[in-house]
C-alpha atoms as a PDB file:
ATOM      1  CA  MET A   1      44.702 -56.441 124.627  1.00  0.00           C
ATOM      2  CA  LYS A   2      44.009 -60.101 124.122  1.00  0.00           C
ATOM      3  CA  GLY A   3      44.614 -61.732 120.781  1.00  0.00           C
ATOM      4  CA  GLN A   4      44.418 -65.240 119.440  1.00  0.00           C
ATOM      5  CA  CYS A   5      44.934 -67.319 116.350  1.00  0.00           C
ATOM      6  CA  LEU A   6      42.010 -68.486 114.231  1.00  0.00           C
ATOM      7  CA  CYS A   7      41.538 -71.761 116.129  1.00  0.00           C
ATOM      8  CA  GLY A   8      42.225 -70.250 119.578  1.00  0.00           C
ATOM      9  CA  SER A   9      45.159 -72.562 120.378  1.00  0.00           C
ATOM     10  CA  VAL A  10      47.586 -69.617 120.699  1.00  0.00           C
ATOM     11  CA  LYS A  11      46.655 -66.618 122.820  1.00  0.00           C
ATOM     12  CA  ILE A  12      48.752 -63.455 123.232  1.00  0.00           C
ATOM     13  CA  THR A  13      48.166 -60.675 125.767  1.00  0.00           C
ATOM     14  CA  VAL A  14      49.852 -57.279 125.429  1.00  0.00           C
ATOM     15  CA  PRO A  15      49.283 -53.762 126.772  1.00  0.00           C
ATOM     16  CA  GLU A  16      46.923 -51.645 124.695  1.00  0.00           C
ATOM     17  CA  ASN A  17      48.477 -50.340 121.485  1.00  0.00           C
ATOM     18  CA  LYS A  18      46.323 -48.938 118.709  1.00  0.00           C
ATOM     19  CA  ASN A  19      49.160 -47.996 116.290  1.00  0.00           C
ATOM     20  CA  VAL A  20      49.546 -50.269 113.281  1.00  0.00           C
ATOM     21  CA  HIS A  21      52.373 -50.332 110.744  1.00  0.00           C
ATOM     22  CA  ALA A  22      52.127 -51.708 107.222  1.00  0.00           C
ATOM     23  CA  CYS A  23      55.212 -53.409 105.784  1.00  0.00           C
ATOM     24  CA  HIS A  24      55.373 -53.836 102.010  1.00  0.00           C
ATOM     25  CA  CYS A  25      58.711 -55.693 101.822  1.00  0.00           C
ATOM     26  CA  GLY A  26      58.787 -58.694  99.511  1.00  0.00           C
ATOM     27  CA  THR A  27      58.984 -61.182 102.381  1.00  0.00           C
ATOM     28  CA  CYS A  28      55.949 -59.765 104.214  1.00  0.00           C
ATOM     29  CA  VAL A  29      53.885 -59.598 101.021  1.00  0.00           C
ATOM     30  CA  ARG A  30      54.856 -63.168 100.100  1.00  0.00           C
ATOM     31  CA  TRP A  31      54.076 -64.374 103.651  1.00  0.00           C
ATOM     32  CA  ASN A  32      50.698 -62.625 103.868  1.00  0.00           C
ATOM     33  CA  GLY A  33      49.605 -62.135 100.267  1.00  0.00           C
ATOM     34  CA  SER A  34      49.362 -58.484 101.298  1.00  0.00           C
ATOM     35  CA  PRO A  35      51.296 -56.118 103.548  1.00  0.00           C
ATOM     36  CA  LEU A  36      51.948 -57.172 107.113  1.00  0.00           C
ATOM     37  CA  PHE A  37      49.750 -55.019 109.338  1.00  0.00           C
ATOM     38  CA  SER A  38      51.431 -55.188 112.723  1.00  0.00           C
ATOM     39  CA  LEU A  39      51.679 -53.774 116.220  1.00  0.00           C
ATOM     40  CA  SER A  40      55.163 -53.186 117.650  1.00  0.00           C
ATOM     41  CA  TYR A  41      55.981 -54.770 120.985  1.00  0.00           C
ATOM     42  CA  GLN A  42      59.331 -54.668 122.798  1.00  0.00           C
ATOM     43  CA  GLN A  43      59.077 -57.103 125.698  1.00  0.00           C
ATOM     44  CA  LYS A  44      58.893 -60.828 126.317  1.00  0.00           C
ATOM     45  CA  LEU A  45      55.502 -61.978 125.065  1.00  0.00           C
ATOM     46  CA  ASP A  46      52.744 -63.261 127.356  1.00  0.00           C
ATOM     47  CA  ILE A  47      51.709 -66.328 125.322  1.00  0.00           C
ATOM     48  CA  SER A  48      49.624 -69.375 126.074  1.00  0.00           C
ATOM     49  CA  GLY A  49      49.646 -72.322 123.700  1.00  0.00           C
ATOM     50  CA  GLU A  50      53.379 -72.174 122.935  1.00  0.00           C
ATOM     51  CA  ASP A  51      53.276 -75.854 121.914  1.00  0.00           C
ATOM     52  CA  PHE A  52      51.239 -74.768 118.888  1.00  0.00           C
ATOM     53  CA  ILE A  53      53.777 -72.165 117.710  1.00  0.00           C
ATOM     54  CA  GLN A  54      56.061 -72.962 114.791  1.00  0.00           C
ATOM     55  CA  CYS A  55      58.887 -70.526 113.989  1.00  0.00           C
ATOM     56  CA  TYR A  56      60.562 -70.115 110.630  1.00  0.00           C
ATOM     57  CA  GLN A  57      63.854 -68.211 110.380  1.00  0.00           C
ATOM     58  CA  SER A  58      63.092 -66.024 107.367  1.00  0.00           C
ATOM     59  CA  SER A  59      66.433 -64.176 107.324  1.00  0.00           C
ATOM     60  CA  GLU A  60      69.746 -64.040 109.168  1.00  0.00           C
ATOM     61  CA  TRP A  61      68.229 -61.604 111.678  1.00  0.00           C
ATOM     62  CA  ALA A  62      64.553 -62.541 112.041  1.00  0.00           C
ATOM     63  CA  GLU A  63      61.987 -65.282 112.385  1.00  0.00           C
ATOM     64  CA  ARG A  64      58.279 -65.476 111.680  1.00  0.00           C
ATOM     65  CA  ALA A  65      55.874 -67.496 113.771  1.00  0.00           C
ATOM     66  CA  PHE A  66      52.557 -69.130 112.993  1.00  0.00           C
ATOM     67  CA  CYS A  67      50.090 -71.503 114.640  1.00  0.00           C
ATOM     68  CA  LYS A  68      50.874 -75.119 113.712  1.00  0.00           C
ATOM     69  CA  LYS A  69      47.195 -76.054 113.950  1.00  0.00           C
ATOM     70  CA  CYS A  70      45.425 -73.356 111.904  1.00  0.00           C
ATOM     71  CA  GLY A  71      48.301 -71.521 110.164  1.00  0.00           C
ATOM     72  CA  THR A  72      47.507 -68.055 111.532  1.00  0.00           C
ATOM     73  CA  HIS A  73      50.453 -65.672 111.228  1.00  0.00           C
ATOM     74  CA  LEU A  74      51.440 -64.591 114.740  1.00  0.00           C
ATOM     75  CA  TYR A  75      54.513 -62.372 114.615  1.00  0.00           C
ATOM     76  CA  TYR A  76      57.788 -61.263 113.095  1.00  0.00           C
ATOM     77  CA  HIS A  77      60.623 -61.362 115.664  1.00  0.00           C
ATOM     78  CA  LEU A  78      64.114 -59.829 115.509  1.00  0.00           C
ATOM     79  CA  LEU A  79      66.432 -62.578 116.739  1.00  0.00           C
ATOM     80  CA  GLY A  80      68.363 -61.882 119.927  1.00  0.00           C
ATOM     81  CA  THR A  81      65.918 -59.161 121.010  1.00  0.00           C
ATOM     82  CA  ASP A  82      62.481 -58.743 122.530  1.00  0.00           C
ATOM     83  CA  ASN A  83      61.334 -56.824 119.418  1.00  0.00           C
ATOM     84  CA  TYR A  84      58.166 -58.256 117.884  1.00  0.00           C
ATOM     85  CA  GLU A  85      55.781 -57.141 115.184  1.00  0.00           C
ATOM     86  CA  LEU A  86      52.496 -58.810 116.141  1.00  0.00           C
ATOM     87  CA  SER A  87      49.928 -59.449 113.438  1.00  0.00           C
ATOM     88  CA  ALA A  88      47.137 -56.906 113.935  1.00  0.00           C
ATOM     89  CA  GLY A  89      44.648 -59.574 112.821  1.00  0.00           C
ATOM     90  CA  LEU A  90      45.171 -61.496 116.069  1.00  0.00           C
ATOM     91  CA  PHE A  91      43.318 -58.850 118.004  1.00  0.00           C
ATOM     92  CA  SER A  92      39.576 -58.432 118.066  1.00  0.00           C
ATOM     93  CA  ALA A  93      37.904 -56.505 115.274  1.00  0.00           C
ATOM     94  CA  GLU A  94      36.387 -54.259 117.944  1.00  0.00           C
ATOM     95  CA  ASN A  95      39.809 -52.603 118.379  1.00  0.00           C
ATOM     96  CA  GLU A  96      39.946 -49.412 116.372  1.00  0.00           C
ATOM     97  CA  PHE A  97      43.510 -49.331 115.125  1.00  0.00           C
ATOM     98  CA  THR A  98      45.189 -46.373 113.445  1.00  0.00           C
ATOM     99  CA  LEU A  99      47.626 -46.868 110.591  1.00  0.00           C
ATOM    100  CA  GLU A 100      50.740 -45.030 111.773  1.00  0.00           C
ATOM    101  CA  GLN A 101      53.143 -45.575 108.877  1.00  0.00           C
ATOM    102  CA  GLU A 102      53.968 -47.648 105.820  1.00  0.00           C
ATOM    103  CA  ILE A 103      57.466 -49.025 105.335  1.00  0.00           C
ATOM    104  CA  TYR A 104      59.261 -50.412 102.283  1.00  0.00           C
ATOM    105  CA  ILE A 105      56.887 -48.331 100.165  1.00  0.00           C
ATOM    106  CA  ASP A 106      59.282 -48.601  97.221  1.00  0.00           C
ATOM    107  CA  CYS A 107      58.858 -52.407  97.316  1.00  0.00           C
ATOM    108  CA  LYS A 108      55.036 -52.323  97.347  1.00  0.00           C
ATOM    109  CA  PRO A 109      53.401 -54.303  94.539  1.00  0.00           C
ATOM    110  CA  SER A 110      51.357 -52.181  92.146  1.00  0.00           C
ATOM    111  CA  PHE A 111      48.114 -54.166  92.591  1.00  0.00           C
ATOM    112  CA  TYR A 112      47.029 -52.354  95.765  1.00  0.00           C
ATOM    113  CA  TYR A 113      47.152 -48.890  97.283  1.00  0.00           C
ATOM    114  CA  LEU A 114      46.520 -47.728 100.853  1.00  0.00           C
ATOM    115  CA  GLY A 115      45.052 -44.240 100.773  1.00  0.00           C
ATOM    116  CA  ASN A 116      45.839 -43.260 104.380  1.00  0.00           C
ATOM    117  CA  ASP A 117      47.751 -39.998 104.806  1.00  0.00           C
ATOM    118  CA  VAL A 118      50.640 -41.413 106.863  1.00  0.00           C
ATOM    119  CA  PRO A 119      54.434 -41.343 106.586  1.00  0.00           C
ATOM    120  CA  LYS A 120      55.621 -43.678 103.840  1.00  0.00           C
ATOM    121  CA  LEU A 121      59.248 -44.739 104.159  1.00  0.00           C
ATOM    122  CA  THR A 122      61.342 -46.394 101.468  1.00  0.00           C
ATOM    123  CA  GLU A 123      63.540 -49.347 102.380  1.00  0.00           C
ATOM    124  CA  LYS A 124      66.596 -47.063 102.553  1.00  0.00           C
ATOM    125  CA  GLU A 125      64.793 -44.471 104.730  1.00  0.00           C
ATOM    126  CA  PHE A 126      63.458 -47.132 107.102  1.00  0.00           C
ATOM    127  CA  LEU A 127      66.845 -48.834 107.524  1.00  0.00           C
ATOM    128  CA  ALA A 128      68.510 -45.442 108.110  1.00  0.00           C
ATOM    129  CA  LYS A 129      65.907 -44.696 110.783  1.00  0.00           C
ATOM    130  CA  LEU A 130      66.615 -48.053 112.458  1.00  0.00           C
ATOM    131  CA  GLY A 131      70.340 -47.319 112.398  1.00  0.00           C
ATOM    132  CA  SER A 132      69.867 -44.001 114.155  1.00  0.00           C
ATOM    133  CA  GLN A 133      68.021 -45.526 117.106  1.00  0.00           C
END
């Protein structure tokens, strides 16, 4: 799949993945104004336009990246790993994604609701799941 930022300065290519996660943690909601809808990717990214990428270390363990030119949110990255959560919005609207799960459901603001029948993990449940992997 080929994705790009709003202005086209940053382009990302990844293998096909139609499974989207929604993160409702406070940082994602503050960053996006809504949940982060993302695709998981666990390899070095194939990116062009790296000169346009600005990273912000949003916690002790992760950074978030955006295009310096247009501001498009690109990804959430776990530091020291090749684990990325790529913004689903980078990829063409013609991709028919499936919402696979919602995480940090106990942190979700009350002003919206996603009606999909998918697993909904609390912060504690999600972190426990990460610890068991």
